[in-house]
């Protein structure tokens, strides 16, 4: 084996990752190379990775905001900021019930024509945003 082959060989060959039929998540190298990784906040990155892991082969998942907040140990407001940030960056789509992790856009972007894209869209169709608006209007400091 040449030096280059040795350098590129797995450190622990018996532990090379395989999908094994248990999921379909992956992160393409472009995610790091083309600046998508560096443009995300910590909460956006955590949510993105969670949605990757939860998605089916089409990138679709059905986790609700309460389960996501619990898994990520974040507040409802942090979740909403992260979710909306990922939509704005054209990395996910959300229809009020389902998420889809999208194929990476041609370049890092800051806006998306996603299914729910305006504050009004979210206030009228997204259960988590509706709950946050109600709590805020009632002066409640509780969040999931």
C-alpha atoms as a PDB file:
ATOM      1  CA  UNK A   1       0.000   0.000   0.000  1.00  0.00           C
ATOM      2  CA  UNK A   2       1.316   3.478  -0.875  1.00  0.00           C
ATOM      3  CA  UNK A   3       1.608   6.273   1.671  1.00  0.00           C
ATOM      4  CA  UNK A   4      -1.479   8.002   0.243  1.00  0.00           C
ATOM      5  CA  UNK A   5      -3.520   4.810   0.446  1.00  0.00           C
ATOM      6  CA  UNK A   6      -2.362   4.322   4.019  1.00  0.00           C
ATOM      7  CA  UNK A   7      -3.334   7.874   4.939  1.00  0.00           C
ATOM      8  CA  UNK A   8      -6.803   7.453   3.433  1.00  0.00           C
ATOM      9  CA  UNK A   9      -7.473   4.005   4.882  1.00  0.00           C
ATOM     10  CA  UNK A  10      -9.954   3.793   7.770  1.00  0.00           C
ATOM     11  CA  UNK A  11      -8.430   3.836  11.240  1.00  0.00           C
ATOM     12  CA  UNK A  12     -10.789   1.099  12.422  1.00  0.00           C
ATOM     13  CA  UNK A  13     -11.853  -0.853   9.293  1.00  0.00           C
ATOM     14  CA  UNK A  14     -14.348  -3.044  11.147  1.00  0.00           C
ATOM     15  CA  UNK A  15     -16.236   0.090  12.227  1.00  0.00           C
ATOM     16  CA  UNK A  16     -16.732   1.776   8.829  1.00  0.00           C
ATOM     17  CA  UNK A  17     -20.192   3.379   8.781  1.00  0.00           C
ATOM     18  CA  UNK A  18     -22.889   1.653   6.750  1.00  0.00           C
ATOM     19  CA  UNK A  19     -26.539   2.525   6.349  1.00  0.00           C
ATOM     20  CA  UNK A  20     -27.585  -1.050   7.126  1.00  0.00           C
ATOM     21  CA  UNK A  21     -31.196  -0.274   6.217  1.00  0.00           C
ATOM     22  CA  UNK A  22     -31.684   1.695   9.448  1.00  0.00           C
ATOM     23  CA  UNK A  23     -31.875   5.147   7.952  1.00  0.00           C
ATOM     24  CA  UNK A  24     -31.022   7.292   5.021  1.00  0.00           C
ATOM     25  CA  UNK A  25     -29.356  10.339   6.507  1.00  0.00           C
ATOM     26  CA  UNK A  26     -26.122  11.807   5.239  1.00  0.00           C
ATOM     27  CA  UNK A  27     -24.345  15.133   4.964  1.00  0.00           C
ATOM     28  CA  UNK A  28     -22.635  15.801   1.646  1.00  0.00           C
ATOM     29  CA  UNK A  29     -19.120  17.212   1.820  1.00  0.00           C
ATOM     30  CA  UNK A  30     -20.460  20.356   0.067  1.00  0.00           C
ATOM     31  CA  UNK A  31     -22.246  21.187   3.322  1.00  0.00           C
ATOM     32  CA  UNK A  32     -18.878  21.976   4.868  1.00  0.00           C
ATOM     33  CA  UNK A  33     -16.912  22.974   1.763  1.00  0.00           C
ATOM     34  CA  UNK A  34     -19.457  25.457   0.381  1.00  0.00           C
ATOM     35  CA  UNK A  35     -20.080  27.285   3.659  1.00  0.00           C
ATOM     36  CA  UNK A  36     -23.457  25.908   4.710  1.00  0.00           C
ATOM     37  CA  UNK A  37     -22.025  24.620   8.012  1.00  0.00           C
ATOM     38  CA  UNK A  38     -20.469  27.953   8.932  1.00  0.00           C
ATOM     39  CA  UNK A  39     -23.594  29.984   8.131  1.00  0.00           C
ATOM     40  CA  UNK A  40     -25.740  28.104  10.687  1.00  0.00           C
ATOM     41  CA  UNK A  41     -26.229  29.032  14.318  1.00  0.00           C
ATOM     42  CA  UNK A  42     -25.762  26.259  16.900  1.00  0.00           C
ATOM     43  CA  UNK A  43     -29.522  25.821  17.234  1.00  0.00           C
ATOM     44  CA  UNK A  44     -29.966  25.704  13.451  1.00  0.00           C
ATOM     45  CA  UNK A  45     -27.213  23.105  13.139  1.00  0.00           C
ATOM     46  CA  UNK A  46     -28.672  20.967  15.946  1.00  0.00           C
ATOM     47  CA  UNK A  47     -32.137  21.078  14.378  1.00  0.00           C
ATOM     48  CA  UNK A  48     -30.762  20.368  10.899  1.00  0.00           C
ATOM     49  CA  UNK A  49     -28.841  17.299  12.073  1.00  0.00           C
ATOM     50  CA  UNK A  50     -31.854  16.057  14.061  1.00  0.00           C
ATOM     51  CA  UNK A  51     -34.091  16.423  10.998  1.00  0.00           C
ATOM     52  CA  UNK A  52     -31.501  14.590   8.882  1.00  0.00           C
ATOM     53  CA  UNK A  53     -31.495  11.705  11.334  1.00  0.00           C
ATOM     54  CA  UNK A  54     -35.292  11.630  11.629  1.00  0.00           C
ATOM     55  CA  UNK A  55     -36.076  11.849   7.917  1.00  0.00           C
ATOM     56  CA  UNK A  56     -37.044   9.045   5.587  1.00  0.00           C
ATOM     57  CA  UNK A  57     -35.294   8.478   2.264  1.00  0.00           C
ATOM     58  CA  UNK A  58     -36.972  11.636   0.894  1.00  0.00           C
ATOM     59  CA  UNK A  59     -35.836  13.696   3.881  1.00  0.00           C
ATOM     60  CA  UNK A  60     -39.372  13.921   5.289  1.00  0.00           C
ATOM     61  CA  UNK A  61     -40.031  13.697   9.019  1.00  0.00           C
ATOM     62  CA  UNK A  62     -43.049  14.269  11.232  1.00  0.00           C
ATOM     63  CA  UNK A  63     -41.585  15.290  14.597  1.00  0.00           C
ATOM     64  CA  UNK A  64     -43.684  17.908  16.378  1.00  0.00           C
ATOM     65  CA  UNK A  65     -42.190  20.971  18.017  1.00  0.00           C
ATOM     66  CA  UNK A  66     -42.689  19.557  21.529  1.00  0.00           C
ATOM     67  CA  UNK A  67     -40.678  16.410  20.737  1.00  0.00           C
ATOM     68  CA  UNK A  68     -38.015  18.463  18.953  1.00  0.00           C
ATOM     69  CA  UNK A  69     -37.685  20.914  21.857  1.00  0.00           C
ATOM     70  CA  UNK A  70     -37.372  17.989  24.251  1.00  0.00           C
ATOM     71  CA  UNK A  71     -34.754  16.188  22.141  1.00  0.00           C
ATOM     72  CA  UNK A  72     -32.709  19.338  21.545  1.00  0.00           C
ATOM     73  CA  UNK A  73     -33.286  20.685  25.065  1.00  0.00           C
ATOM     74  CA  UNK A  74     -34.265  24.053  23.699  1.00  0.00           C
ATOM     75  CA  UNK A  75     -37.046  26.539  24.302  1.00  0.00           C
ATOM     76  CA  UNK A  76     -39.925  27.029  21.910  1.00  0.00           C
ATOM     77  CA  UNK A  77     -38.490  30.409  20.881  1.00  0.00           C
ATOM     78  CA  UNK A  78     -35.072  28.855  20.148  1.00  0.00           C
ATOM     79  CA  UNK A  79     -36.765  26.149  18.080  1.00  0.00           C
ATOM     80  CA  UNK A  80     -38.799  28.711  16.128  1.00  0.00           C
ATOM     81  CA  UNK A  81     -35.703  30.824  15.426  1.00  0.00           C
ATOM     82  CA  UNK A  82     -33.744  27.756  14.276  1.00  0.00           C
ATOM     83  CA  UNK A  83     -36.562  26.396  12.124  1.00  0.00           C
ATOM     84  CA  UNK A  84     -37.250  29.742  10.496  1.00  0.00           C
ATOM     85  CA  UNK A  85     -33.518  30.283   9.936  1.00  0.00           C
ATOM     86  CA  UNK A  86     -33.223  26.940   8.123  1.00  0.00           C
ATOM     87  CA  UNK A  87     -36.231  27.802   5.967  1.00  0.00           C
ATOM     88  CA  UNK A  88     -34.754  31.239   5.175  1.00  0.00           C
ATOM     89  CA  UNK A  89     -31.470  29.562   4.197  1.00  0.00           C
ATOM     90  CA  UNK A  90     -33.363  27.216   1.843  1.00  0.00           C
ATOM     91  CA  UNK A  91     -32.236  24.068   3.689  1.00  0.00           C
ATOM     92  CA  UNK A  92     -35.623  22.756   4.840  1.00  0.00           C
ATOM     93  CA  UNK A  93     -39.283  23.033   3.907  1.00  0.00           C
ATOM     94  CA  UNK A  94     -42.111  22.934   6.430  1.00  0.00           C
ATOM     95  CA  UNK A  95     -45.859  22.746   5.812  1.00  0.00           C
ATOM     96  CA  UNK A  96     -47.078  23.082   9.390  1.00  0.00           C
ATOM     97  CA  UNK A  97     -46.911  19.328  10.030  1.00  0.00           C
ATOM     98  CA  UNK A  98     -44.061  17.827   8.024  1.00  0.00           C
ATOM     99  CA  UNK A  99     -40.447  18.789   7.522  1.00  0.00           C
ATOM    100  CA  UNK A 100     -38.363  18.040   4.478  1.00  0.00           C
ATOM    101  CA  UNK A 101     -34.601  18.386   4.435  1.00  0.00           C
ATOM    102  CA  UNK A 102     -33.958  19.753   0.956  1.00  0.00           C
ATOM    103  CA  UNK A 103     -31.093  19.060  -1.392  1.00  0.00           C
ATOM    104  CA  UNK A 104     -28.472  21.752  -0.951  1.00  0.00           C
ATOM    105  CA  UNK A 105     -29.068  24.855  -3.063  1.00  0.00           C
ATOM    106  CA  UNK A 106     -26.463  25.818  -5.657  1.00  0.00           C
ATOM    107  CA  UNK A 107     -24.875  28.214  -3.147  1.00  0.00           C
ATOM    108  CA  UNK A 108     -25.383  29.378   0.417  1.00  0.00           C
ATOM    109  CA  UNK A 109     -28.469  31.578   0.354  1.00  0.00           C
ATOM    110  CA  UNK A 110     -30.408  33.638   2.837  1.00  0.00           C
ATOM    111  CA  UNK A 111     -33.975  33.346   1.578  1.00  0.00           C
ATOM    112  CA  UNK A 112     -36.336  30.642   0.397  1.00  0.00           C
ATOM    113  CA  UNK A 113     -39.731  30.518  -1.223  1.00  0.00           C
ATOM    114  CA  UNK A 114     -40.625  27.652   1.164  1.00  0.00           C
ATOM    115  CA  UNK A 115     -44.209  26.577   1.810  1.00  0.00           C
ATOM    116  CA  UNK A 116     -44.464  28.651   5.042  1.00  0.00           C
ATOM    117  CA  UNK A 117     -42.305  31.704   4.512  1.00  0.00           C
ATOM    118  CA  UNK A 118     -43.943  34.790   5.976  1.00  0.00           C
ATOM    119  CA  UNK A 119     -44.758  35.650   9.573  1.00  0.00           C
ATOM    120  CA  UNK A 120     -48.418  35.588   8.603  1.00  0.00           C
ATOM    121  CA  UNK A 121     -48.033  32.080   7.086  1.00  0.00           C
ATOM    122  CA  UNK A 122     -46.517  30.828  10.348  1.00  0.00           C
ATOM    123  CA  UNK A 123     -49.039  32.626  12.567  1.00  0.00           C
ATOM    124  CA  UNK A 124     -51.930  31.115  10.613  1.00  0.00           C
ATOM    125  CA  UNK A 125     -50.663  27.586   9.873  1.00  0.00           C
ATOM    126  CA  UNK A 126     -47.881  26.565  12.277  1.00  0.00           C
ATOM    127  CA  UNK A 127     -48.968  25.125  15.648  1.00  0.00           C
ATOM    128  CA  UNK A 128     -45.723  26.077  17.420  1.00  0.00           C
ATOM    129  CA  UNK A 129     -45.877  29.706  16.251  1.00  0.00           C
ATOM    130  CA  UNK A 130     -49.568  29.918  17.118  1.00  0.00           C
ATOM    131  CA  UNK A 131     -48.812  28.646  20.621  1.00  0.00           C
ATOM    132  CA  UNK A 132     -45.925  31.106  21.031  1.00  0.00           C
ATOM    133  CA  UNK A 133     -48.127  34.015  19.915  1.00  0.00           C
ATOM    134  CA  UNK A 134     -50.884  32.979  22.333  1.00  0.00           C
ATOM    135  CA  UNK A 135     -48.444  32.583  25.215  1.00  0.00           C
ATOM    136  CA  UNK A 136     -46.860  35.922  24.451  1.00  0.00           C
ATOM    137  CA  UNK A 137     -50.242  37.643  24.263  1.00  0.00           C
ATOM    138  CA  UNK A 138     -51.242  36.084  27.593  1.00  0.00           C
ATOM    139  CA  UNK A 139     -47.962  37.168  29.173  1.00  0.00           C
ATOM    140  CA  UNK A 140     -46.935  33.597  29.973  1.00  0.00           C
ATOM    141  CA  UNK A 141     -43.227  32.931  30.383  1.00  0.00           C
ATOM    142  CA  UNK A 142     -43.662  29.163  29.953  1.00  0.00           C
ATOM    143  CA  UNK A 143     -42.289  27.492  26.879  1.00  0.00           C
ATOM    144  CA  UNK A 144     -41.938  23.928  25.815  1.00  0.00           C
END
